[in-house]
Amino acid sequence: MTYREKILREYRTIAYYFGKLIIGIGVVQLIPIPMLMFQTSTFLDFIAFIAPAALAIIGGYAIVKYTINGATAFSMKSGAVVVTLTWVVAVILGAIPFVVTGQLTWLDAIFEAMSGWTTTGLSMVDVSQTSPVFLFWRSLMQFVGGAGLAVLMLSAVVGPEANGLYEAEARSDRFVPNVIDTSRILLKLYLTYFGVGAVLYMLSGMTWFDAINHSMAVLSTGGFSTRGESIGYWNSISVETVTLVLMILGTTNFSTHYVLLTQRRIKTLMDNEVVAFFVLMGITVPLILYALVNTVYQGVGHTFRIALFQAISALSTTGFQTVPFTHWTETAVLLIIILMIIGGGTGATAGGLKLYRISLAFKTVYWSIKSKLFPRTAIIRHTLNKQGEEVVISHEHLLEVAFYIFIYLMTYLAGVLVLMFSGFSLRDSLFEFASSLGTVGLSVGITGPDMPAAAKVAEILGMWLGRLEFTAIIVAISKLVKDCWQSLRS
């Protein structure tokens, strides 16, 4: 078999799985259609969802039908190509309903769909002027994007040889050895939490529509709301409490959930990410409280309630708000920016650098200092607590984490500069791009239809890179370029 024939065989397999994933997206796009029958809708509203759904299903079926699934193994590199291309197509399909109905321009619609699928929550629409079906579509994109396109399709459509898809979506933890069973367990947990969350929201005073949308958005750590004031609309301690619990569940590694539920070991909660989360809350919430009490808000209790909610919303990368940030002090805003950059847990629905990498970075500093204090002959074990078990960390893995943090921060700097050149202040640029790259959704109010095109594009790319954690995109692009070059040379 020649090199070109080998490449052709591999890309037929890639096309095969890409087609299956596209069919799945088409099916998802059919879900909002029944809602149109129970509200005042036009023929154009139906076309807005039916057309892209039909395009995805028919196109995906044609790809699957006329490609040969000849490969027995499916590498992470091949999975990266499939996942990267699928996310691009998903965003385009998700944008079509907004464009067809004339609600948004193509750029704004792409922004909205990217924000939805990546579970960011920054928005271009005025929710007070948007019909319920389109609000539901935004929440549904976040819900599906939070679970992961590959995870959903692996659990329902794709065969067991497609392990590379799971890894390509920035997921490495498995509850059980088989990746298909892992995907199905994750999906069951996800749907269970969603159902319980929706019921609790209704018991807290939300309508069924608000409850379903917010349960989808909070569990996916997305942040799209049906109200312009976000969670602050209800000004309810019970609503905020339900939201806090769901945000913590959504940002915690689902393998930690599984171990805790199945083995019922308290030491599971000593996981490095769980500990890091509560340590950060213990440090930042009092600092935010100190920065805001009796200056922006009156009363320790009221200010603590705001500080706690917004700190968890930022660190979990959910993006719900109970208050605007317009009058916050510089210190409080800086702390929120830091939390958004750090982000939530790995193997969860959260974005950001991730608590695992940050805790590992601090551990590396500790190990480095320790090595200077001990004799050269001393052996220092590099271990980290993962779901209650000590895991050995290799030197190569430490380098990978350091490289990722460097790439992330350089991208963040580039995005901030683009926003500043677009006319925004340093403070607002730091905040908004931390929110988009970390797929958070909190905003100081500068993201909207009037934002310059360059800033919108920067945030779109930031959301995309942040959701797929750079790796899949870098691997996919490098593979495509390399294979094209090698094919031309052979």
Protein backbone atom coordinates (compact mmCIF):
# COMPACT_ATOMS: atom_id res chain seq x y z
CA MET A 1 0.00 0.00 0.00
CA THR A 2 1.43 3.37 -1.05
CA TYR A 3 1.53 6.37 1.26
CA ARG A 4 -1.22 8.08 -0.73
CA GLU A 5 -3.47 5.01 -0.50
CA LYS A 6 -2.83 4.83 3.24
CA ILE A 7 -3.79 8.49 3.66
CA LEU A 8 -6.89 8.02 1.52
CA ARG A 9 -7.96 5.06 3.65
CA GLU A 10 -7.46 7.07 6.84
CA TYR A 11 -9.43 10.06 5.56
CA ARG A 12 -12.28 7.84 4.48
CA THR A 13 -12.50 6.73 8.10
CA ILE A 14 -12.32 10.35 9.24
CA ALA A 15 -15.13 11.23 6.82
CA TYR A 16 -17.17 8.27 8.07
CA TYR A 17 -17.12 9.46 11.69
CA PHE A 18 -17.51 13.09 10.67
CA GLY A 19 -20.69 12.12 8.81
CA LYS A 20 -22.07 10.32 11.87
CA LEU A 21 -21.43 13.30 14.11
CA ILE A 22 -23.07 15.66 11.61
CA ILE A 23 -26.18 13.45 11.56
CA GLY A 24 -26.28 13.76 15.35
CA ILE A 25 -26.11 17.56 15.14
CA GLY A 26 -28.96 17.51 12.65
CA VAL A 27 -31.10 15.48 15.05
CA VAL A 28 -30.32 17.96 17.85
CA GLN A 29 -31.44 20.81 15.59
CA LEU A 30 -34.86 19.17 15.19
CA ILE A 31 -35.53 19.26 18.96
CA PRO A 32 -36.79 22.91 19.13
CA ILE A 33 -39.31 22.41 16.28
CA PRO A 34 -42.21 21.08 18.45
CA MET A 35 -42.02 24.31 20.48
CA LEU A 36 -42.94 26.28 17.35
CA MET A 37 -46.35 24.57 17.32
CA PHE A 38 -47.23 26.02 20.72
CA GLN A 39 -46.31 29.63 20.06
CA THR A 40 -47.01 32.23 17.41
CA SER A 41 -44.63 31.16 14.66
CA THR A 42 -44.12 31.92 10.99
CA PHE A 43 -43.26 29.54 8.16
CA LEU A 44 -39.79 31.11 8.22
CA ASP A 45 -39.30 30.00 11.84
CA PHE A 46 -39.91 26.38 10.84
CA ILE A 47 -37.57 26.66 7.84
CA ALA A 48 -34.89 28.18 10.10
CA PHE A 49 -34.57 24.89 11.97
CA ILE A 50 -35.76 22.32 9.43
CA ALA A 51 -33.40 23.47 6.65
CA PRO A 52 -30.09 23.16 8.57
CA ALA A 53 -31.31 19.95 10.25
CA ALA A 54 -32.16 18.39 6.89
CA LEU A 55 -28.86 19.59 5.42
CA ALA A 56 -26.94 17.97 8.29
CA ILE A 57 -28.87 14.69 8.30
CA ILE A 58 -28.92 14.22 4.52
CA GLY A 59 -25.33 15.41 4.09
CA GLY A 60 -24.09 13.29 6.99
CA TYR A 61 -25.93 10.23 5.72
CA ALA A 62 -24.46 10.69 2.24
CA ILE A 63 -20.95 10.91 3.69
CA VAL A 64 -21.45 7.78 5.80
CA LYS A 65 -23.09 5.90 2.92
CA TYR A 66 -20.33 6.57 0.43
CA THR A 67 -17.23 6.29 2.60
CA ILE A 68 -15.44 3.12 3.55
CA ASN A 69 -14.86 2.50 7.24
CA GLY A 70 -11.74 0.45 6.66
CA ALA A 71 -9.52 1.37 9.61
CA THR A 72 -9.54 -0.75 12.75
CA ALA A 73 -7.82 1.89 14.89
CA PHE A 74 -8.76 5.53 15.26
CA SER A 75 -5.94 7.67 16.61
CA MET A 76 -6.19 10.85 18.63
CA LYS A 77 -4.83 12.75 15.60
CA SER A 78 -7.63 11.46 13.40
CA GLY A 79 -10.09 12.21 16.19
CA ALA A 80 -8.75 15.76 16.41
CA VAL A 81 -9.51 16.31 12.71
CA VAL A 82 -13.05 14.95 13.12
CA VAL A 83 -13.80 16.95 16.28
CA THR A 84 -12.32 20.20 14.93
CA LEU A 85 -14.26 19.98 11.66
CA THR A 86 -17.44 18.93 13.46
CA TRP A 87 -17.30 21.92 15.79
CA VAL A 88 -16.88 24.28 12.84
CA VAL A 89 -19.89 22.77 11.04
CA ALA A 90 -21.93 22.72 14.28
CA VAL A 91 -21.34 26.45 14.76
CA ILE A 92 -22.38 27.25 11.17
CA LEU A 93 -25.52 25.11 11.46
CA GLY A 94 -26.30 26.62 14.85
CA ALA A 95 -26.03 30.12 13.41
CA ILE A 96 -28.41 29.55 10.49
CA PRO A 97 -31.71 29.96 12.46
CA PHE A 98 -30.64 33.42 13.65
CA VAL A 99 -29.65 34.49 10.12
CA VAL A 100 -32.69 33.03 8.29
CA THR A 101 -35.10 34.85 10.62
CA GLY A 102 -33.17 38.10 10.28
CA GLN A 103 -32.34 38.41 13.97
CA LEU A 104 -28.57 38.58 13.55
CA THR A 105 -25.95 39.18 10.88
CA TRP A 106 -23.76 36.21 9.91
CA LEU A 107 -20.89 37.39 12.12
CA ASP A 108 -23.15 37.93 15.13
CA ALA A 109 -24.92 34.62 14.52
CA ILE A 110 -21.59 32.78 14.34
CA PHE A 111 -20.63 34.50 17.58
CA GLU A 112 -23.89 33.42 19.25
CA ALA A 113 -23.60 29.82 18.06
CA MET A 114 -19.93 29.60 19.05
CA SER A 115 -20.80 30.99 22.47
CA GLY A 116 -23.53 28.38 22.74
CA TRP A 117 -21.67 25.26 21.62
CA THR A 118 -18.56 26.21 23.62
CA THR A 119 -20.69 26.91 26.75
CA THR A 120 -19.43 30.47 27.02
CA GLY A 121 -22.55 32.58 27.44
CA LEU A 122 -21.46 35.89 25.91
CA SER A 123 -24.33 37.02 23.72
CA MET A 124 -25.33 39.18 20.79
CA VAL A 125 -29.11 38.93 21.29
CA ASP A 126 -31.54 40.95 23.36
CA VAL A 127 -33.29 38.22 25.34
CA SER A 128 -36.26 40.48 26.06
CA GLN A 129 -36.94 40.68 22.30
CA THR A 130 -36.15 37.05 21.46
CA SER A 131 -38.85 34.39 21.10
CA PRO A 132 -38.83 31.40 23.49
CA VAL A 133 -37.82 28.88 20.83
CA PHE A 134 -34.61 30.77 20.08
CA LEU A 135 -33.85 31.15 23.79
CA PHE A 136 -34.32 27.40 24.10
CA TRP A 137 -32.06 26.80 21.09
CA ARG A 138 -29.28 28.81 22.75
CA SER A 139 -29.62 26.78 25.96
CA LEU A 140 -29.78 23.51 24.04
CA MET A 141 -26.53 24.31 22.22
CA GLN A 142 -24.88 24.91 25.59
CA PHE A 143 -26.31 21.71 27.05
CA VAL A 144 -25.10 19.56 24.16
CA GLY A 145 -21.78 21.41 23.93
CA GLY A 146 -21.19 20.96 27.65
CA ALA A 147 -21.62 17.21 27.47
CA GLY A 148 -19.43 17.23 24.38
CA LEU A 149 -20.43 16.46 20.82
CA ALA A 150 -18.14 13.45 20.74
CA VAL A 151 -19.37 12.13 24.10
CA LEU A 152 -23.01 12.30 23.03
CA MET A 153 -22.34 10.64 19.70
CA LEU A 154 -20.05 8.01 21.26
CA SER A 155 -22.80 7.05 23.68
CA ALA A 156 -25.45 6.82 20.97
CA VAL A 157 -24.01 6.52 17.49
CA VAL A 158 -20.30 5.88 17.03
CA GLY A 159 -18.67 2.47 17.44
CA PRO A 160 -16.15 1.41 20.10
CA GLU A 161 -13.11 1.82 17.84
CA ALA A 162 -13.44 5.62 17.97
CA ASN A 163 -11.52 6.21 21.23
CA GLY A 164 -9.66 9.07 19.57
CA LEU A 165 -12.82 11.17 19.46
CA TYR A 166 -13.17 11.11 23.25
CA GLU A 167 -9.56 12.17 23.76
CA ALA A 168 -9.75 14.85 21.06
CA GLU A 169 -12.44 16.75 22.98
CA ALA A 170 -10.02 17.52 25.82
CA ARG A 171 -11.16 14.51 27.87
CA SER A 172 -8.75 11.93 29.23
CA ASP A 173 -10.38 10.51 32.38
CA ARG A 174 -12.38 7.32 32.01
CA PHE A 175 -14.75 5.96 34.65
CA VAL A 176 -14.36 2.44 33.22
CA PRO A 177 -11.84 1.04 30.70
CA ASN A 178 -14.28 1.13 27.77
CA VAL A 179 -14.69 4.64 26.38
CA ILE A 180 -18.24 3.92 25.18
CA ASP A 181 -19.35 2.87 28.66
CA THR A 182 -17.59 5.93 30.08
CA SER A 183 -19.51 8.20 27.70
CA ARG A 184 -22.82 6.59 28.62
CA ILE A 185 -22.17 6.90 32.36
CA LEU A 186 -21.23 10.55 31.92
CA LEU A 187 -24.41 11.16 29.94
CA LYS A 188 -26.58 9.47 32.58
CA LEU A 189 -25.05 11.63 35.34
CA TYR A 190 -25.47 14.72 33.19
CA LEU A 191 -29.14 14.07 32.43
CA THR A 192 -29.90 13.14 36.05
CA TYR A 193 -28.41 16.37 37.37
CA PHE A 194 -30.30 18.31 34.70
CA GLY A 195 -33.64 16.78 35.68
CA VAL A 196 -33.09 17.34 39.40
CA GLY A 197 -31.91 20.90 38.73
CA ALA A 198 -34.99 21.76 36.68
CA VAL A 199 -37.31 20.48 39.43
CA LEU A 200 -35.44 22.41 42.12
CA TYR A 201 -35.60 25.59 40.05
CA MET A 202 -39.39 25.22 39.67
CA LEU A 203 -39.73 24.64 43.41
CA SER A 204 -37.68 27.84 43.91
CA GLY A 205 -40.16 29.93 41.93
CA MET A 206 -39.10 29.70 38.27
CA THR A 207 -41.55 28.89 35.50
CA TRP A 208 -41.04 25.51 33.81
CA PHE A 209 -39.49 27.24 30.78
CA ASP A 210 -37.02 29.28 32.84
CA ALA A 211 -36.22 26.22 34.96
CA ILE A 212 -35.40 23.98 31.99
CA ASN A 213 -33.29 26.63 30.28
CA HIS A 214 -31.34 27.56 33.38
CA SER A 215 -30.79 23.95 34.42
CA MET A 216 -29.30 23.24 30.98
CA ALA A 217 -27.20 26.40 31.08
CA VAL A 218 -25.86 26.05 34.61
CA LEU A 219 -25.01 22.36 34.42
CA SER A 220 -23.10 22.95 31.19
CA THR A 221 -21.43 25.91 32.95
CA GLY A 222 -22.75 27.93 30.03
CA GLY A 223 -24.51 30.98 31.42
CA PHE A 224 -27.15 31.81 28.79
CA SER A 225 -30.20 33.15 30.58
CA THR A 226 -33.78 33.82 29.56
CA ARG A 227 -33.64 37.12 31.46
CA GLY A 228 -31.58 40.20 30.76
CA GLU A 229 -30.63 40.46 34.44
CA SER A 230 -29.52 36.80 34.50
CA ILE A 231 -30.00 35.10 37.89
CA GLY A 232 -30.27 38.55 39.48
CA TYR A 233 -33.77 38.84 37.96
CA TRP A 234 -35.22 36.64 40.70
CA ASN A 235 -33.28 38.18 43.61
CA SER A 236 -33.93 34.89 45.40
CA ILE A 237 -31.67 33.11 47.84
CA SER A 238 -33.25 29.76 46.96
CA VAL A 239 -32.66 30.27 43.22
CA GLU A 240 -29.07 31.33 43.89
CA THR A 241 -28.50 28.33 46.19
CA VAL A 242 -29.71 25.87 43.54
CA THR A 243 -27.50 27.63 41.00
CA LEU A 244 -24.44 27.46 43.29
CA VAL A 245 -24.89 23.72 43.83
CA LEU A 246 -25.33 23.03 40.11
CA MET A 247 -22.34 25.22 39.21
CA ILE A 248 -20.14 23.23 41.59
CA LEU A 249 -21.46 19.94 40.19
CA GLY A 250 -20.90 21.10 36.61
CA THR A 251 -17.35 22.25 37.23
CA THR A 252 -16.26 19.11 39.12
CA ASN A 253 -14.63 16.26 37.20
CA PHE A 254 -17.37 13.75 36.41
CA SER A 255 -15.02 10.87 37.22
CA THR A 256 -14.90 12.28 40.77
CA HIS A 257 -18.71 12.18 40.82
CA TYR A 258 -18.65 8.57 39.65
CA VAL A 259 -16.07 7.40 42.19
CA LEU A 260 -17.87 9.21 45.01
CA LEU A 261 -21.28 7.78 44.04
CA THR A 262 -20.12 4.20 43.42
CA GLN A 263 -17.42 3.73 46.06
CA ARG A 264 -18.72 6.24 48.65
CA ARG A 265 -15.21 7.08 49.82
CA ILE A 266 -14.84 10.36 51.69
CA LYS A 267 -11.17 10.53 50.66
CA THR A 268 -12.38 11.04 47.07
CA LEU A 269 -13.10 14.63 48.10
CA MET A 270 -9.37 15.08 48.77
CA ASP A 271 -8.91 15.20 44.99
CA ASN A 272 -6.47 17.98 44.09
CA GLU A 273 -9.07 19.89 42.05
CA VAL A 274 -11.75 19.74 44.74
CA VAL A 275 -9.27 20.97 47.35
CA ALA A 276 -7.95 23.69 45.01
CA PHE A 277 -11.51 24.88 44.31
CA PHE A 278 -12.39 25.39 47.96
CA VAL A 279 -8.97 26.84 48.83
CA LEU A 280 -9.41 29.44 46.09
CA MET A 281 -12.91 30.23 47.33
CA GLY A 282 -11.58 30.56 50.87
CA ILE A 283 -9.02 33.10 49.68
CA THR A 284 -10.86 35.11 47.02
CA VAL A 285 -14.36 35.43 48.50
CA PRO A 286 -13.15 37.28 51.65
CA LEU A 287 -10.93 39.50 49.47
CA ILE A 288 -13.82 40.38 47.15
CA LEU A 289 -16.01 40.97 50.20
CA TYR A 290 -13.41 43.32 51.66
CA ALA A 291 -13.08 45.19 48.35
CA LEU A 292 -16.84 45.72 47.95
CA VAL A 293 -18.39 46.02 51.40
CA ASN A 294 -19.46 49.53 52.41
CA THR A 295 -18.01 50.92 49.16
CA VAL A 296 -20.14 49.38 46.41
CA TYR A 297 -22.66 47.46 48.55
CA GLN A 298 -23.89 47.99 52.09
CA GLY A 299 -23.95 45.27 54.71
CA VAL A 300 -21.62 42.33 55.18
CA GLY A 301 -24.31 39.68 54.64
CA HIS A 302 -25.58 41.16 51.37
CA THR A 303 -22.06 41.74 50.05
CA PHE A 304 -20.94 38.22 51.02
CA ARG A 305 -23.89 36.76 49.09
CA ILE A 306 -22.83 38.66 45.97
CA ALA A 307 -19.12 37.88 46.40
CA LEU A 308 -19.72 34.15 46.89
CA PHE A 309 -22.03 33.80 43.90
CA GLN A 310 -19.85 35.77 41.48
CA ALA A 311 -16.63 34.07 42.62
CA ILE A 312 -18.08 30.60 42.07
CA SER A 313 -19.65 31.69 38.78
CA ALA A 314 -16.24 32.91 37.58
CA LEU A 315 -14.15 29.94 38.78
CA SER A 316 -16.69 27.38 37.54
CA THR A 317 -16.75 29.33 34.22
CA THR A 318 -20.56 29.39 34.32
CA GLY A 319 -21.04 33.10 33.81
CA PHE A 320 -24.34 33.78 35.57
CA GLN A 321 -24.61 37.17 37.25
CA THR A 322 -26.65 38.53 40.13
CA VAL A 323 -25.26 42.07 39.77
CA PRO A 324 -23.51 44.10 37.05
CA PHE A 325 -19.76 44.73 37.36
CA THR A 326 -20.02 48.37 36.29
CA HIS A 327 -19.26 49.88 39.70
CA TRP A 328 -16.99 47.18 41.09
CA THR A 329 -13.60 48.22 42.42
CA GLU A 330 -10.45 47.43 40.44
CA THR A 331 -9.34 44.90 43.08
CA ALA A 332 -12.61 42.96 42.92
CA VAL A 333 -12.58 42.94 39.10
CA LEU A 334 -8.97 41.72 39.07
CA LEU A 335 -9.85 38.82 41.38
CA ILE A 336 -12.72 37.79 39.09
CA ILE A 337 -10.36 37.94 36.08
CA ILE A 338 -7.87 35.66 37.87
CA LEU A 339 -10.63 33.18 38.71
CA MET A 340 -11.85 33.15 35.09
CA ILE A 341 -8.32 32.46 33.83
CA ILE A 342 -7.87 29.58 36.31
CA GLY A 343 -11.19 27.93 35.45
CA GLY A 344 -12.81 24.74 36.67
CA GLY A 345 -12.11 21.04 36.72
CA THR A 346 -10.83 18.69 34.03
CA GLY A 347 -13.30 16.12 32.74
CA ALA A 348 -16.11 18.56 33.54
CA THR A 349 -18.03 21.12 31.49
CA ALA A 350 -15.84 24.02 32.61
CA GLY A 351 -13.22 26.01 30.71
CA GLY A 352 -10.12 27.99 31.67
CA LEU A 353 -6.62 26.73 32.41
CA LYS A 354 -8.23 24.17 34.74
CA LEU A 355 -7.66 23.62 38.44
CA TYR A 356 -5.57 20.52 37.76
CA ARG A 357 -2.94 22.45 35.81
CA ILE A 358 -2.85 25.31 38.32
CA SER A 359 -2.49 22.97 41.30
CA LEU A 360 0.22 21.08 39.41
CA ALA A 361 2.02 24.35 38.66
CA PHE A 362 2.07 25.26 42.36
CA LYS A 363 3.17 21.74 43.24
CA THR A 364 6.03 22.06 40.75
CA VAL A 365 7.23 25.22 42.49
CA TYR A 366 7.03 23.38 45.83
CA TRP A 367 8.95 20.39 44.45
CA SER A 368 11.58 22.72 42.99
CA ILE A 369 12.12 24.48 46.33
CA LYS A 370 12.16 21.15 48.13
CA SER A 371 14.84 19.78 45.79
CA LYS A 372 17.08 22.74 46.66
CA LEU A 373 16.74 22.11 50.37
CA PHE A 374 17.36 18.37 50.27
CA PRO A 375 20.64 16.62 49.37
CA ARG A 376 21.12 15.84 45.68
CA THR A 377 20.89 12.14 46.42
CA ALA A 378 17.41 12.54 47.91
CA ILE A 379 14.54 11.12 45.85
CA ILE A 380 11.53 13.41 45.73
CA ARG A 381 8.32 11.74 44.58
CA HIS A 382 6.14 13.88 42.35
CA THR A 383 2.59 12.81 43.20
CA LEU A 384 -0.84 14.40 43.09
CA ASN A 385 -4.08 13.29 44.74
CA LYS A 386 -6.63 12.18 42.16
CA GLN A 387 -10.01 11.00 43.45
CA GLY A 388 -8.36 9.98 46.71
CA GLU A 389 -5.42 8.11 45.19
CA GLU A 390 -1.84 9.32 44.85
CA VAL A 391 -0.84 9.50 41.18
CA VAL A 392 2.80 9.78 40.09
CA ILE A 393 3.49 12.76 37.81
CA SER A 394 6.19 12.35 35.19
CA HIS A 395 8.67 15.04 34.17
CA GLU A 396 7.32 14.91 30.61
CA HIS A 397 3.81 15.63 31.86
CA LEU A 398 5.05 18.63 33.85
CA LEU A 399 6.59 20.01 30.66
CA GLU A 400 3.31 19.48 28.77
CA VAL A 401 1.39 21.38 31.45
CA ALA A 402 3.94 24.21 31.46
CA PHE A 403 3.75 24.45 27.67
CA TYR A 404 -0.05 24.58 27.74
CA ILE A 405 -0.10 27.32 30.39
CA PHE A 406 2.41 29.32 28.30
CA ILE A 407 0.33 28.94 25.11
CA TYR A 408 -2.85 29.86 26.97
CA LEU A 409 -1.38 33.01 28.51
CA MET A 410 0.21 34.11 25.21
CA THR A 411 -3.15 33.69 23.47
CA TYR A 412 -4.81 35.64 26.26
CA LEU A 413 -2.31 38.47 25.84
CA ALA A 414 -2.88 38.54 22.07
CA GLY A 415 -6.66 38.68 22.54
CA VAL A 416 -6.40 41.48 25.09
CA LEU A 417 -4.29 43.50 22.65
CA VAL A 418 -6.86 43.03 19.87
CA LEU A 419 -9.61 44.30 22.14
CA MET A 420 -7.50 47.27 23.22
CA PHE A 421 -6.73 48.17 19.59
CA SER A 422 -10.50 47.97 18.99
CA GLY A 423 -10.92 50.88 21.39
CA PHE A 424 -11.60 49.25 24.76
CA SER A 425 -9.80 50.03 28.02
CA LEU A 426 -7.20 47.69 29.50
CA ARG A 427 -9.54 46.77 32.37
CA ASP A 428 -12.43 45.87 30.08
CA SER A 429 -10.18 44.04 27.60
CA LEU A 430 -8.58 41.93 30.35
CA PHE A 431 -12.00 41.03 31.71
CA GLU A 432 -13.81 40.29 28.44
CA PHE A 433 -11.12 38.17 26.80
CA ALA A 434 -10.55 36.21 30.01
CA SER A 435 -14.26 35.48 29.84
CA SER A 436 -14.25 34.39 26.19
CA LEU A 437 -11.02 32.33 26.29
CA GLY A 438 -12.10 30.70 29.55
CA THR A 439 -15.60 30.08 28.10
CA VAL A 440 -17.07 31.89 31.10
CA GLY A 441 -19.64 34.41 29.81
CA LEU A 442 -19.34 37.12 32.47
CA SER A 443 -19.22 40.57 30.91
CA VAL A 444 -18.61 44.18 31.84
CA GLY A 445 -21.04 45.13 29.08
CA ILE A 446 -18.77 45.72 26.07
CA THR A 447 -19.67 42.52 24.19
CA GLY A 448 -22.64 43.13 21.92
CA PRO A 449 -23.78 43.86 18.37
CA ASP A 450 -22.01 47.26 18.38
CA MET A 451 -18.61 45.72 19.16
CA PRO A 452 -16.04 46.15 16.32
CA ALA A 453 -15.74 43.16 13.99
CA ALA A 454 -12.10 42.52 14.91
CA ALA A 455 -13.03 42.19 18.59
CA LYS A 456 -15.90 39.82 17.75
CA VAL A 457 -13.60 37.61 15.66
CA ALA A 458 -10.99 37.60 18.45
CA GLU A 459 -13.59 36.45 20.97
CA ILE A 460 -14.97 33.81 18.58
CA LEU A 461 -11.48 32.34 18.13
CA GLY A 462 -10.88 32.61 21.87
CA MET A 463 -14.04 30.64 22.68
CA TRP A 464 -13.17 27.97 20.10
CA LEU A 465 -9.57 27.57 21.28
CA GLY A 466 -10.59 27.60 24.93
CA ARG A 467 -13.26 24.93 24.51
CA LEU A 468 -11.07 22.48 22.60
CA GLU A 469 -8.04 23.40 24.73
CA PHE A 470 -5.85 24.25 21.71
CA THR A 471 -4.61 20.67 21.43
CA ALA A 472 -7.26 19.29 19.09
CA ILE A 473 -7.07 22.33 16.80
CA ILE A 474 -3.26 22.40 16.69
CA VAL A 475 -3.06 18.64 16.09
CA ALA A 476 -5.80 18.75 13.43
CA ILE A 477 -4.27 21.64 11.48
CA SER A 478 -0.75 20.19 11.65
CA LYS A 479 -2.03 16.78 10.51
CA LEU A 480 -3.99 18.24 7.60
CA VAL A 481 -1.03 20.33 6.44
CA LYS A 482 1.44 17.46 6.83
CA ASP A 483 -0.77 14.95 5.03
CA CYS A 484 -1.46 17.35 2.14
CA TRP A 485 2.24 18.07 1.78
CA GLN A 486 3.24 14.40 1.91
CA SER A 487 0.54 13.46 -0.59
CA LEU A 488 1.73 16.09 -3.05
CA ARG A 489 5.31 14.90 -2.69
CA SER A 490 4.54 11.19 -3.07
